[in-house]
Amino acid sequence: MGIRVLLVDDQPIVRTGFRTVLTAAGGIDVVGEAGDGPAAVAAVASYRPEVVLMDVRMPGGDGLTATEQITAAYPETRVLVVTTFDVDDYVRRALRGGASGFVLKDSDPEDLVRAVRTVHAGESLLAPSVTTRLVRDWVAQEPVPAPPDGPPEGLTAREHDVLVLVARGLSNAEIAAEMVVAESTVKTHVAHLLRKLERRDRVQLVVHAFECGLVPARGT
């Protein structure tokens, strides 16, 4: 069975387009659809999808409230929020509400499929630098604690270094090159970080790093 996906959008034609693209790719099963936020929450309870493709603005109930409710009640379900990547209150609330990433409504079919697969795997969504920019701009508007003198409690020095590089937008391959280690070693460190910090995925690691002051919210 493929990745179980729920489509949430108030426009049936958009849901149909997403369904066509995803099912044609292979390895992805669209298990249900919903036209607003409350219906999405109910559909998750019924279908238990692994990934939810969530629209933001829907007359019957917004997708941001639904995202918060879904990630709180079903932490194993990952939510992809449909956005234009504009850094606004919607994006900030989606991050705070537990969204695992973002996808453009007018994305190329290949990008939509890749987005679903990567977020399902718990990896960074699309270009890591995009997520990093979103989080940086969000956190820059809020008070951030001073960076700690050493690794956060419970993390090794190596894990701390990997966390900082993840937050700076580097991919696993780029982190491996920076640290002069195998990419498989980086993947192991990321897995340890997810477990120790109790985060669902890589996007949430980026949020954690910025909120803890591990990476400056301003500047490069």
N, C-alpha and C. Protein backbone atom coordinates (compact mmCIF):
# COMPACT_ATOMS: atom_id res chain seq x y z
N MET A 1 0.84 -1.20 0.00
CA MET A 1 0.00 0.00 0.00
C MET A 1 0.87 1.25 0.00
N GLY A 2 0.43 2.28 -0.71
CA GLY A 2 1.23 3.48 -0.81
C GLY A 2 0.99 4.43 0.35
N ILE A 3 1.58 5.62 0.25
CA ILE A 3 1.41 6.66 1.26
C ILE A 3 -0.05 7.10 1.27
N ARG A 4 -0.66 7.08 2.45
CA ARG A 4 -2.08 7.43 2.57
C ARG A 4 -2.21 8.96 2.70
N VAL A 5 -2.93 9.56 1.75
CA VAL A 5 -3.03 11.02 1.68
C VAL A 5 -4.49 11.46 1.73
N LEU A 6 -4.74 12.52 2.49
CA LEU A 6 -6.05 13.17 2.54
C LEU A 6 -5.93 14.54 1.88
N LEU A 7 -6.85 14.86 0.98
CA LEU A 7 -6.85 16.15 0.29
C LEU A 7 -7.89 17.07 0.91
N VAL A 8 -7.48 18.28 1.29
CA VAL A 8 -8.40 19.23 1.91
C VAL A 8 -8.35 20.54 1.12
N ASP A 9 -9.45 20.87 0.46
CA ASP A 9 -9.57 22.12 -0.30
C ASP A 9 -11.05 22.35 -0.55
N ASP A 10 -11.49 23.62 -0.50
CA ASP A 10 -12.90 23.89 -0.71
C ASP A 10 -13.29 23.85 -2.17
N GLN A 11 -12.32 23.75 -3.09
CA GLN A 11 -12.61 23.70 -4.52
C GLN A 11 -12.47 22.27 -5.04
N PRO A 12 -13.57 21.64 -5.44
CA PRO A 12 -13.50 20.26 -5.93
C PRO A 12 -12.54 20.08 -7.10
N ILE A 13 -12.45 21.09 -7.98
CA ILE A 13 -11.59 20.95 -9.14
C ILE A 13 -10.11 20.89 -8.73
N VAL A 14 -9.78 21.59 -7.65
CA VAL A 14 -8.40 21.55 -7.14
C VAL A 14 -8.12 20.16 -6.56
N ARG A 15 -9.05 19.64 -5.79
CA ARG A 15 -8.87 18.31 -5.21
C ARG A 15 -8.73 17.27 -6.32
N THR A 16 -9.53 17.41 -7.36
CA THR A 16 -9.45 16.47 -8.48
C THR A 16 -8.09 16.53 -9.15
N GLY A 17 -7.58 17.73 -9.33
CA GLY A 17 -6.26 17.88 -9.94
C GLY A 17 -5.17 17.25 -9.09
N PHE A 18 -5.22 17.50 -7.77
CA PHE A 18 -4.23 16.90 -6.87
C PHE A 18 -4.33 15.38 -6.89
N ARG A 19 -5.56 14.87 -6.86
CA ARG A 19 -5.77 13.43 -6.86
C ARG A 19 -5.18 12.80 -8.13
N THR A 20 -5.43 13.42 -9.26
CA THR A 20 -4.93 12.90 -10.53
C THR A 20 -3.41 12.83 -10.54
N VAL A 21 -2.78 13.90 -10.08
CA VAL A 21 -1.32 13.95 -10.07
C VAL A 21 -0.73 12.91 -9.12
N LEU A 22 -1.27 12.82 -7.92
CA LEU A 22 -0.71 11.94 -6.91
C LEU A 22 -0.91 10.47 -7.24
N THR A 23 -2.10 10.11 -7.68
CA THR A 23 -2.35 8.70 -7.97
C THR A 23 -1.58 8.24 -9.20
N ALA A 24 -1.37 9.15 -10.15
CA ALA A 24 -0.62 8.79 -11.36
C ALA A 24 0.85 8.53 -11.05
N ALA A 25 1.34 9.10 -9.96
CA ALA A 25 2.77 8.98 -9.64
C ALA A 25 3.12 7.58 -9.15
N GLY A 26 2.15 6.89 -8.58
CA GLY A 26 2.42 5.56 -8.04
C GLY A 26 2.96 5.64 -6.62
N GLY A 27 2.55 4.70 -5.80
CA GLY A 27 3.03 4.67 -4.42
C GLY A 27 2.34 5.64 -3.50
N ILE A 28 1.29 6.30 -3.98
CA ILE A 28 0.51 7.24 -3.17
C ILE A 28 -0.96 6.91 -3.34
N ASP A 29 -1.66 6.74 -2.24
CA ASP A 29 -3.10 6.44 -2.27
C ASP A 29 -3.87 7.59 -1.64
N VAL A 30 -4.74 8.25 -2.41
CA VAL A 30 -5.60 9.28 -1.87
C VAL A 30 -6.78 8.58 -1.22
N VAL A 31 -6.82 8.59 0.10
CA VAL A 31 -7.82 7.82 0.83
C VAL A 31 -9.09 8.61 1.13
N GLY A 32 -9.04 9.94 0.93
CA GLY A 32 -10.23 10.72 1.21
C GLY A 32 -10.06 12.18 0.84
N GLU A 33 -11.16 12.92 0.88
CA GLU A 33 -11.16 14.35 0.59
C GLU A 33 -12.04 15.08 1.60
N ALA A 34 -11.77 16.36 1.78
CA ALA A 34 -12.60 17.18 2.66
C ALA A 34 -12.64 18.59 2.09
N GLY A 35 -13.75 19.30 2.35
CA GLY A 35 -13.92 20.62 1.78
C GLY A 35 -13.71 21.77 2.74
N ASP A 36 -13.45 21.47 4.03
CA ASP A 36 -13.16 22.53 4.99
C ASP A 36 -12.45 21.93 6.20
N GLY A 37 -12.07 22.79 7.14
CA GLY A 37 -11.30 22.35 8.28
C GLY A 37 -11.98 21.32 9.16
N PRO A 38 -13.21 21.57 9.62
CA PRO A 38 -13.88 20.59 10.46
C PRO A 38 -14.04 19.23 9.78
N ALA A 39 -14.35 19.25 8.49
CA ALA A 39 -14.48 17.99 7.75
C ALA A 39 -13.13 17.29 7.66
N ALA A 40 -12.06 18.06 7.59
CA ALA A 40 -10.72 17.47 7.54
C ALA A 40 -10.40 16.73 8.83
N VAL A 41 -10.72 17.34 9.96
CA VAL A 41 -10.45 16.70 11.25
C VAL A 41 -11.23 15.39 11.35
N ALA A 42 -12.50 15.42 10.93
CA ALA A 42 -13.31 14.20 10.97
C ALA A 42 -12.76 13.15 10.01
N ALA A 43 -12.27 13.58 8.84
CA ALA A 43 -11.74 12.64 7.86
C ALA A 43 -10.46 11.99 8.35
N VAL A 44 -9.64 12.73 9.06
CA VAL A 44 -8.42 12.14 9.62
C VAL A 44 -8.78 11.06 10.63
N ALA A 45 -9.79 11.31 11.43
CA ALA A 45 -10.23 10.30 12.40
C ALA A 45 -10.73 9.05 11.71
N SER A 46 -11.36 9.22 10.55
CA SER A 46 -11.93 8.08 9.84
C SER A 46 -10.91 7.32 9.01
N TYR A 47 -10.07 8.07 8.28
CA TYR A 47 -9.17 7.44 7.30
C TYR A 47 -7.73 7.26 7.79
N ARG A 48 -7.37 7.95 8.85
CA ARG A 48 -6.01 7.89 9.39
C ARG A 48 -4.93 8.04 8.30
N PRO A 49 -4.95 9.15 7.57
CA PRO A 49 -3.94 9.37 6.54
C PRO A 49 -2.57 9.62 7.16
N GLU A 50 -1.54 9.38 6.39
CA GLU A 50 -0.19 9.66 6.85
C GLU A 50 0.21 11.10 6.52
N VAL A 51 -0.37 11.65 5.44
CA VAL A 51 -0.09 13.02 5.03
C VAL A 51 -1.41 13.70 4.67
N VAL A 52 -1.57 14.94 5.15
CA VAL A 52 -2.75 15.75 4.79
C VAL A 52 -2.27 16.95 3.99
N LEU A 53 -2.84 17.12 2.80
CA LEU A 53 -2.56 18.30 1.99
C LEU A 53 -3.64 19.32 2.31
N MET A 54 -3.28 20.38 3.05
CA MET A 54 -4.25 21.27 3.69
C MET A 54 -4.26 22.67 3.09
N ASP A 55 -5.41 23.06 2.57
CA ASP A 55 -5.60 24.44 2.13
C ASP A 55 -5.73 25.34 3.36
N VAL A 56 -5.52 26.64 3.17
CA VAL A 56 -5.57 27.56 4.31
C VAL A 56 -6.95 28.22 4.43
N ARG A 57 -7.37 28.90 3.39
CA ARG A 57 -8.63 29.65 3.45
C ARG A 57 -9.77 28.83 2.87
N MET A 58 -10.72 28.46 3.73
CA MET A 58 -11.90 27.71 3.30
C MET A 58 -13.11 28.25 4.04
N PRO A 59 -14.19 28.58 3.33
CA PRO A 59 -15.36 29.21 3.95
C PRO A 59 -15.94 28.40 5.11
N GLY A 60 -15.92 27.08 5.02
CA GLY A 60 -16.54 26.27 6.04
C GLY A 60 -15.72 26.07 7.29
N GLY A 61 -14.49 26.57 7.31
CA GLY A 61 -13.60 26.39 8.45
C GLY A 61 -12.17 26.35 7.97
N ASP A 62 -11.31 27.19 8.54
CA ASP A 62 -9.96 27.36 8.00
C ASP A 62 -9.07 26.15 8.26
N GLY A 63 -8.03 26.05 7.41
CA GLY A 63 -7.12 24.92 7.52
C GLY A 63 -6.11 25.04 8.63
N LEU A 64 -5.88 26.24 9.15
CA LEU A 64 -4.90 26.42 10.20
C LEU A 64 -5.40 25.86 11.53
N THR A 65 -6.66 26.14 11.84
CA THR A 65 -7.24 25.56 13.05
C THR A 65 -7.28 24.05 12.93
N ALA A 66 -7.62 23.57 11.76
CA ALA A 66 -7.64 22.12 11.54
C ALA A 66 -6.26 21.51 11.69
N THR A 67 -5.24 22.21 11.20
CA THR A 67 -3.86 21.72 11.34
C THR A 67 -3.49 21.56 12.81
N GLU A 68 -3.82 22.56 13.61
CA GLU A 68 -3.53 22.50 15.05
C GLU A 68 -4.24 21.32 15.70
N GLN A 69 -5.48 21.11 15.35
CA GLN A 69 -6.25 20.03 15.95
C GLN A 69 -5.74 18.66 15.51
N ILE A 70 -5.39 18.54 14.25
CA ILE A 70 -4.92 17.26 13.72
C ILE A 70 -3.57 16.88 14.31
N THR A 71 -2.63 17.82 14.32
CA THR A 71 -1.30 17.49 14.83
C THR A 71 -1.31 17.21 16.33
N ALA A 72 -2.26 17.83 17.04
CA ALA A 72 -2.36 17.58 18.48
C ALA A 72 -2.95 16.20 18.76
N ALA A 73 -3.98 15.83 17.99
CA ALA A 73 -4.67 14.56 18.24
C ALA A 73 -4.03 13.37 17.54
N TYR A 74 -3.36 13.64 16.41
CA TYR A 74 -2.76 12.56 15.62
C TYR A 74 -1.32 12.94 15.25
N PRO A 75 -0.40 12.87 16.21
CA PRO A 75 0.97 13.32 15.97
C PRO A 75 1.70 12.56 14.88
N GLU A 76 1.19 11.37 14.54
CA GLU A 76 1.85 10.59 13.49
C GLU A 76 1.45 11.10 12.09
N THR A 77 0.42 11.93 12.01
CA THR A 77 -0.02 12.48 10.72
C THR A 77 0.71 13.78 10.43
N ARG A 78 1.25 13.89 9.24
CA ARG A 78 1.97 15.10 8.85
C ARG A 78 1.10 15.95 7.94
N VAL A 79 1.14 17.25 8.17
CA VAL A 79 0.30 18.18 7.42
C VAL A 79 1.16 19.05 6.52
N LEU A 80 0.82 19.06 5.23
CA LEU A 80 1.42 19.96 4.26
C LEU A 80 0.45 21.10 4.02
N VAL A 81 0.84 22.31 4.34
CA VAL A 81 -0.05 23.46 4.17
C VAL A 81 0.17 24.06 2.79
N VAL A 82 -0.92 24.30 2.08
CA VAL A 82 -0.85 24.94 0.76
C VAL A 82 -0.68 26.43 0.95
N THR A 83 0.39 26.99 0.40
CA THR A 83 0.70 28.40 0.63
C THR A 83 1.44 28.97 -0.58
N THR A 84 1.57 30.29 -0.60
CA THR A 84 2.35 30.95 -1.65
C THR A 84 3.77 31.24 -1.17
N PHE A 85 4.12 30.72 0.02
CA PHE A 85 5.41 30.96 0.66
C PHE A 85 5.59 32.40 1.10
N ASP A 86 4.50 33.21 1.06
CA ASP A 86 4.59 34.54 1.63
C ASP A 86 4.72 34.40 3.15
N VAL A 87 5.64 35.15 3.72
CA VAL A 87 5.83 35.07 5.17
C VAL A 87 4.82 35.99 5.83
N ASP A 88 3.73 35.43 6.27
CA ASP A 88 2.66 36.21 6.87
C ASP A 88 2.13 35.47 8.08
N ASP A 89 1.06 35.97 8.66
CA ASP A 89 0.50 35.36 9.85
C ASP A 89 0.05 33.93 9.60
N TYR A 90 -0.37 33.63 8.37
CA TYR A 90 -0.82 32.28 8.07
C TYR A 90 0.33 31.29 8.19
N VAL A 91 1.47 31.66 7.62
CA VAL A 91 2.62 30.77 7.65
C VAL A 91 3.12 30.60 9.08
N ARG A 92 3.18 31.70 9.82
CA ARG A 92 3.65 31.61 11.20
C ARG A 92 2.73 30.75 12.05
N ARG A 93 1.43 30.90 11.85
CA ARG A 93 0.50 30.10 12.63
C ARG A 93 0.58 28.63 12.23
N ALA A 94 0.80 28.37 10.95
CA ALA A 94 0.94 26.98 10.50
C ALA A 94 2.16 26.33 11.14
N LEU A 95 3.27 27.05 11.20
CA LEU A 95 4.47 26.53 11.84
C LEU A 95 4.22 26.26 13.32
N ARG A 96 3.61 27.22 13.97
CA ARG A 96 3.33 27.07 15.40
C ARG A 96 2.34 25.94 15.65
N GLY A 97 1.45 25.73 14.69
CA GLY A 97 0.43 24.71 14.85
C GLY A 97 0.89 23.30 14.53
N GLY A 98 2.13 23.16 14.10
CA GLY A 98 2.66 21.81 13.88
C GLY A 98 2.73 21.36 12.45
N ALA A 99 2.56 22.28 11.48
CA ALA A 99 2.69 21.89 10.08
C ALA A 99 4.09 21.37 9.80
N SER A 100 4.17 20.35 8.97
CA SER A 100 5.46 19.76 8.64
C SER A 100 6.11 20.38 7.42
N GLY A 101 5.39 21.25 6.74
CA GLY A 101 5.98 21.90 5.58
C GLY A 101 4.93 22.62 4.76
N PHE A 102 5.35 23.08 3.60
CA PHE A 102 4.53 23.92 2.76
C PHE A 102 4.66 23.49 1.30
N VAL A 103 3.59 23.66 0.56
CA VAL A 103 3.60 23.33 -0.87
C VAL A 103 2.81 24.39 -1.62
N LEU A 104 3.28 24.75 -2.79
CA LEU A 104 2.60 25.74 -3.61
C LEU A 104 1.41 25.12 -4.33
N LYS A 105 0.29 25.84 -4.34
CA LYS A 105 -0.89 25.31 -5.03
C LYS A 105 -0.64 25.18 -6.52
N ASP A 106 0.22 26.03 -7.08
CA ASP A 106 0.52 25.94 -8.51
C ASP A 106 1.84 25.22 -8.78
N SER A 107 2.24 24.34 -7.87
CA SER A 107 3.48 23.59 -8.05
C SER A 107 3.40 22.71 -9.29
N ASP A 108 4.56 22.42 -9.87
CA ASP A 108 4.63 21.42 -10.93
C ASP A 108 4.23 20.07 -10.34
N PRO A 109 3.65 19.19 -11.14
CA PRO A 109 3.25 17.88 -10.64
C PRO A 109 4.38 17.13 -9.92
N GLU A 110 5.59 17.22 -10.47
CA GLU A 110 6.72 16.52 -9.85
C GLU A 110 7.02 17.08 -8.46
N ASP A 111 6.86 18.39 -8.30
CA ASP A 111 7.14 19.01 -7.01
C ASP A 111 6.09 18.61 -5.97
N LEU A 112 4.85 18.49 -6.40
CA LEU A 112 3.79 18.08 -5.48
C LEU A 112 4.03 16.66 -4.98
N VAL A 113 4.37 15.77 -5.91
CA VAL A 113 4.65 14.38 -5.54
C VAL A 113 5.85 14.31 -4.61
N ARG A 114 6.89 15.06 -4.95
CA ARG A 114 8.10 15.06 -4.12
C ARG A 114 7.80 15.60 -2.73
N ALA A 115 6.95 16.60 -2.65
CA ALA A 115 6.60 17.18 -1.35
C ALA A 115 5.94 16.15 -0.46
N VAL A 116 5.00 15.41 -1.00
CA VAL A 116 4.30 14.39 -0.22
C VAL A 116 5.27 13.32 0.25
N ARG A 117 6.13 12.87 -0.64
CA ARG A 117 7.06 11.80 -0.29
C ARG A 117 8.10 12.25 0.73
N THR A 118 8.61 13.45 0.58
CA THR A 118 9.66 13.90 1.49
C THR A 118 9.12 14.17 2.89
N VAL A 119 7.95 14.78 2.97
CA VAL A 119 7.41 15.05 4.30
C VAL A 119 6.96 13.75 4.97
N HIS A 120 6.50 12.80 4.19
CA HIS A 120 6.15 11.49 4.74
C HIS A 120 7.37 10.82 5.35
N ALA A 121 8.53 11.02 4.73
CA ALA A 121 9.77 10.43 5.22
C ALA A 121 10.36 11.19 6.39
N GLY A 122 9.74 12.32 6.77
CA GLY A 122 10.24 13.11 7.88
C GLY A 122 11.42 13.98 7.52
N GLU A 123 11.67 14.16 6.23
CA GLU A 123 12.80 14.96 5.79
C GLU A 123 12.34 16.38 5.49
N SER A 124 13.30 17.23 5.12
CA SER A 124 12.96 18.61 4.81
C SER A 124 12.13 18.66 3.54
N LEU A 125 11.21 19.61 3.49
CA LEU A 125 10.30 19.72 2.36
C LEU A 125 10.87 20.64 1.29
N LEU A 126 10.95 20.13 0.08
CA LEU A 126 11.49 20.89 -1.03
C LEU A 126 12.87 21.43 -0.67
N ALA A 127 13.17 22.67 -1.01
CA ALA A 127 14.48 23.23 -0.71
C ALA A 127 14.57 23.56 0.78
N PRO A 128 15.53 22.98 1.51
CA PRO A 128 15.64 23.28 2.94
C PRO A 128 15.78 24.77 3.21
N SER A 129 16.42 25.50 2.30
CA SER A 129 16.64 26.93 2.52
C SER A 129 15.32 27.70 2.56
N VAL A 130 14.29 27.21 1.87
CA VAL A 130 12.99 27.89 1.88
C VAL A 130 12.38 27.81 3.27
N THR A 131 12.37 26.61 3.84
CA THR A 131 11.84 26.44 5.18
C THR A 131 12.63 27.28 6.17
N THR A 132 13.96 27.26 6.03
CA THR A 132 14.80 28.04 6.94
C THR A 132 14.47 29.52 6.86
N ARG A 133 14.27 30.04 5.63
CA ARG A 133 13.94 31.46 5.49
C ARG A 133 12.61 31.78 6.14
N LEU A 134 11.62 30.89 5.96
CA LEU A 134 10.32 31.11 6.57
C LEU A 134 10.43 31.18 8.09
N VAL A 135 11.15 30.23 8.67
CA VAL A 135 11.27 30.19 10.12
C VAL A 135 12.07 31.39 10.62
N ARG A 136 13.14 31.75 9.92
CA ARG A 136 13.96 32.88 10.34
C ARG A 136 13.12 34.16 10.38
N ASP A 137 12.35 34.39 9.32
CA ASP A 137 11.55 35.61 9.27
C ASP A 137 10.47 35.61 10.35
N TRP A 138 9.96 34.43 10.65
CA TRP A 138 8.95 34.32 11.70
C TRP A 138 9.55 34.61 13.07
N VAL A 139 10.64 33.93 13.39
CA VAL A 139 11.24 34.07 14.71
C VAL A 139 11.83 35.46 14.91
N ALA A 140 12.28 36.11 13.83
CA ALA A 140 12.88 37.44 13.94
C ALA A 140 11.91 38.45 14.53
N GLN A 141 10.62 38.17 14.46
CA GLN A 141 9.62 39.09 14.96
C GLN A 141 9.24 38.82 16.42
N GLU A 142 9.88 37.81 17.02
CA GLU A 142 9.54 37.44 18.39
C GLU A 142 10.81 37.40 19.24
N PRO A 143 10.67 37.58 20.56
CA PRO A 143 11.84 37.49 21.44
C PRO A 143 12.48 36.11 21.36
N VAL A 144 13.80 36.08 21.23
CA VAL A 144 14.53 34.82 21.14
C VAL A 144 15.60 34.80 22.23
N PRO A 145 15.74 33.72 22.97
CA PRO A 145 16.75 33.67 24.03
C PRO A 145 18.15 33.72 23.48
N ALA A 146 19.08 34.12 24.33
CA ALA A 146 20.48 34.13 23.93
C ALA A 146 20.94 32.70 23.66
N PRO A 147 21.84 32.51 22.69
CA PRO A 147 22.30 31.16 22.39
C PRO A 147 23.00 30.55 23.60
N PRO A 148 22.81 29.25 23.83
CA PRO A 148 23.45 28.59 24.97
C PRO A 148 24.96 28.51 24.79
N ASP A 149 25.66 28.36 25.90
CA ASP A 149 27.12 28.27 25.84
C ASP A 149 27.59 26.97 25.19
N GLY A 150 26.81 25.92 25.33
CA GLY A 150 27.18 24.62 24.77
C GLY A 150 25.96 23.92 24.23
N PRO A 151 26.09 22.64 23.91
CA PRO A 151 24.95 21.89 23.39
C PRO A 151 23.80 21.86 24.39
N PRO A 152 22.56 21.91 23.92
CA PRO A 152 21.42 21.79 24.82
C PRO A 152 21.50 20.50 25.62
N GLU A 153 20.93 20.51 26.78
CA GLU A 153 20.99 19.34 27.65
C GLU A 153 20.45 18.11 26.93
N GLY A 154 21.21 17.04 27.01
CA GLY A 154 20.79 15.79 26.39
C GLY A 154 21.35 15.56 25.01
N LEU A 155 21.91 16.60 24.38
CA LEU A 155 22.48 16.45 23.05
C LEU A 155 24.00 16.36 23.12
N THR A 156 24.57 15.55 22.25
CA THR A 156 26.03 15.50 22.14
C THR A 156 26.49 16.71 21.33
N ALA A 157 27.79 16.99 21.37
CA ALA A 157 28.33 18.10 20.60
C ALA A 157 28.08 17.91 19.11
N ARG A 158 28.18 16.66 18.64
CA ARG A 158 27.95 16.35 17.24
C ARG A 158 26.50 16.59 16.85
N GLU A 159 25.60 16.20 17.72
CA GLU A 159 24.17 16.39 17.44
C GLU A 159 23.84 17.88 17.43
N HIS A 160 24.46 18.62 18.32
CA HIS A 160 24.26 20.07 18.33
C HIS A 160 24.71 20.68 17.01
N ASP A 161 25.88 20.26 16.52
CA ASP A 161 26.39 20.79 15.26
C ASP A 161 25.45 20.47 14.10
N VAL A 162 24.93 19.24 14.09
CA VAL A 162 24.01 18.85 13.02
C VAL A 162 22.74 19.67 13.09
N LEU A 163 22.22 19.90 14.29
CA LEU A 163 21.00 20.69 14.46
C LEU A 163 21.18 22.10 13.92
N VAL A 164 22.31 22.71 14.21
CA VAL A 164 22.57 24.07 13.72
C VAL A 164 22.62 24.09 12.20
N LEU A 165 23.27 23.09 11.60
CA LEU A 165 23.38 23.04 10.14
C LEU A 165 22.03 22.76 9.49
N VAL A 166 21.21 21.93 10.11
CA VAL A 166 19.86 21.69 9.62
C VAL A 166 19.08 23.01 9.61
N ALA A 167 19.21 23.77 10.69
CA ALA A 167 18.49 25.04 10.80
C ALA A 167 18.98 26.08 9.81
N ARG A 168 20.23 25.95 9.39
CA ARG A 168 20.77 26.89 8.40
C ARG A 168 20.37 26.52 6.98
N GLY A 169 19.64 25.42 6.81
CA GLY A 169 19.11 25.08 5.50
C GLY A 169 19.92 24.08 4.71
N LEU A 170 20.89 23.42 5.33
CA LEU A 170 21.71 22.46 4.61
C LEU A 170 21.00 21.11 4.51
N SER A 171 21.17 20.45 3.38
CA SER A 171 20.64 19.11 3.21
C SER A 171 21.56 18.11 3.91
N ASN A 172 21.14 16.86 4.00
CA ASN A 172 21.98 15.84 4.63
C ASN A 172 23.32 15.71 3.91
N ALA A 173 23.27 15.75 2.59
CA ALA A 173 24.51 15.62 1.81
C ALA A 173 25.45 16.80 2.09
N GLU A 174 24.88 18.00 2.18
CA GLU A 174 25.70 19.19 2.44
C GLU A 174 26.27 19.16 3.86
N ILE A 175 25.47 18.68 4.81
CA ILE A 175 25.97 18.56 6.19
C ILE A 175 27.11 17.55 6.25
N ALA A 176 26.96 16.44 5.54
CA ALA A 176 28.01 15.42 5.51
C ALA A 176 29.31 16.00 4.97
N ALA A 177 29.21 16.80 3.91
CA ALA A 177 30.41 17.42 3.34
C ALA A 177 31.03 18.43 4.31
N GLU A 178 30.17 19.21 4.98
CA GLU A 178 30.65 20.22 5.94
C GLU A 178 31.37 19.59 7.12
N MET A 179 30.83 18.45 7.60
CA MET A 179 31.38 17.81 8.79
C MET A 179 32.39 16.71 8.45
N VAL A 180 32.53 16.43 7.15
CA VAL A 180 33.44 15.39 6.66
C VAL A 180 33.09 14.04 7.29
N VAL A 181 31.83 13.66 7.14
CA VAL A 181 31.35 12.36 7.60
C VAL A 181 30.46 11.78 6.51
N ALA A 182 30.08 10.52 6.67
CA ALA A 182 29.19 9.88 5.71
C ALA A 182 27.77 10.43 5.85
N GLU A 183 27.04 10.46 4.74
CA GLU A 183 25.66 10.95 4.80
C GLU A 183 24.81 10.08 5.71
N SER A 184 25.10 8.78 5.76
CA SER A 184 24.36 7.89 6.65
C SER A 184 24.56 8.28 8.11
N THR A 185 25.73 8.80 8.44
CA THR A 185 25.99 9.27 9.81
C THR A 185 25.13 10.47 10.13
N VAL A 186 24.99 11.37 9.17
CA VAL A 186 24.14 12.54 9.38
C VAL A 186 22.70 12.11 9.59
N LYS A 187 22.22 11.15 8.80
CA LYS A 187 20.85 10.66 8.95
C LYS A 187 20.64 10.08 10.35
N THR A 188 21.66 9.40 10.86
CA THR A 188 21.55 8.84 12.21
C THR A 188 21.45 9.94 13.25
N HIS A 189 22.27 10.98 13.10
CA HIS A 189 22.23 12.11 14.03
C HIS A 189 20.85 12.79 13.99
N VAL A 190 20.30 12.98 12.78
CA VAL A 190 18.99 13.60 12.65
C VAL A 190 17.92 12.76 13.33
N ALA A 191 18.00 11.45 13.16
CA ALA A 191 17.05 10.55 13.82
C ALA A 191 17.15 10.67 15.33
N HIS A 192 18.37 10.77 15.86
CA HIS A 192 18.56 10.94 17.30
C HIS A 192 17.98 12.27 17.77
N LEU A 193 18.15 13.32 16.97
CA LEU A 193 17.62 14.63 17.33
C LEU A 193 16.09 14.61 17.39
N LEU A 194 15.48 13.98 16.42
CA LEU A 194 14.02 13.88 16.41
C LEU A 194 13.52 13.17 17.66
N ARG A 195 14.23 12.11 18.04
CA ARG A 195 13.79 11.34 19.20
C ARG A 195 14.03 12.11 20.50
N LYS A 196 15.22 12.67 20.66
CA LYS A 196 15.56 13.35 21.90
C LYS A 196 14.75 14.63 22.11
N LEU A 197 14.50 15.35 21.02
CA LEU A 197 13.78 16.62 21.13
C LEU A 197 12.28 16.44 20.95
N GLU A 198 11.87 15.20 20.71
CA GLU A 198 10.45 14.86 20.56
C GLU A 198 9.79 15.72 19.48
N ARG A 199 10.43 15.73 18.31
CA ARG A 199 9.92 16.47 17.17
C ARG A 199 9.49 15.49 16.09
N ARG A 200 8.46 15.87 15.34
CA ARG A 200 7.91 14.96 14.34
C ARG A 200 8.79 14.84 13.12
N ASP A 201 9.43 15.94 12.72
CA ASP A 201 10.14 15.94 11.45
C ASP A 201 11.18 17.04 11.43
N ARG A 202 11.85 17.15 10.30
CA ARG A 202 12.96 18.07 10.16
C ARG A 202 12.53 19.54 10.24
N VAL A 203 11.36 19.85 9.70
CA VAL A 203 10.87 21.22 9.78
C VAL A 203 10.74 21.65 11.24
N GLN A 204 10.24 20.76 12.08
CA GLN A 204 10.09 21.09 13.49
C GLN A 204 11.44 21.23 14.19
N LEU A 205 12.47 20.54 13.69
CA LEU A 205 13.82 20.74 14.22
C LEU A 205 14.29 22.17 13.92
N VAL A 206 13.99 22.66 12.73
CA VAL A 206 14.37 24.02 12.36
C VAL A 206 13.69 25.02 13.29
N VAL A 207 12.41 24.84 13.52
CA VAL A 207 11.68 25.72 14.43
C VAL A 207 12.31 25.70 15.81
N HIS A 208 12.62 24.51 16.32
CA HIS A 208 13.22 24.37 17.65
C HIS A 208 14.55 25.11 17.73
N ALA A 209 15.38 24.96 16.72
CA ALA A 209 16.71 25.58 16.74
C ALA A 209 16.61 27.10 16.80
N PHE A 210 15.70 27.68 16.03
CA PHE A 210 15.54 29.13 16.04
C PHE A 210 14.94 29.60 17.36
N GLU A 211 13.94 28.90 17.87
CA GLU A 211 13.30 29.32 19.10
C GLU A 211 14.25 29.26 20.29
N CYS A 212 15.21 28.34 20.23
CA CYS A 212 16.18 28.20 21.33
C CYS A 212 17.38 29.11 21.17
N GLY A 213 17.42 29.88 20.09
CA GLY A 213 18.54 30.79 19.89
C GLY A 213 19.80 30.11 19.38
N LEU A 214 19.69 28.89 18.86
CA LEU A 214 20.88 28.19 18.35
C LEU A 214 21.38 28.79 17.05
N VAL A 215 20.46 29.45 16.33
CA VAL A 215 20.82 30.10 15.06
C VAL A 215 20.26 31.50 15.10
N PRO A 216 21.04 32.52 14.71
CA PRO A 216 20.53 33.89 14.76
C PRO A 216 19.31 34.05 13.88
N ALA A 217 18.28 34.72 14.36
CA ALA A 217 17.08 34.96 13.56
C ALA A 217 17.31 36.05 12.54
N ARG A 218 18.34 36.85 12.75
CA ARG A 218 18.66 37.93 11.81
C ARG A 218 20.06 37.70 11.27
N GLY A 219 20.23 38.19 10.06
CA GLY A 219 21.55 38.04 9.47
C GLY A 219 21.63 36.77 8.67
N THR A 220 22.87 36.37 8.29
CA THR A 220 23.07 35.21 7.44
C THR A 220 23.10 33.96 8.27
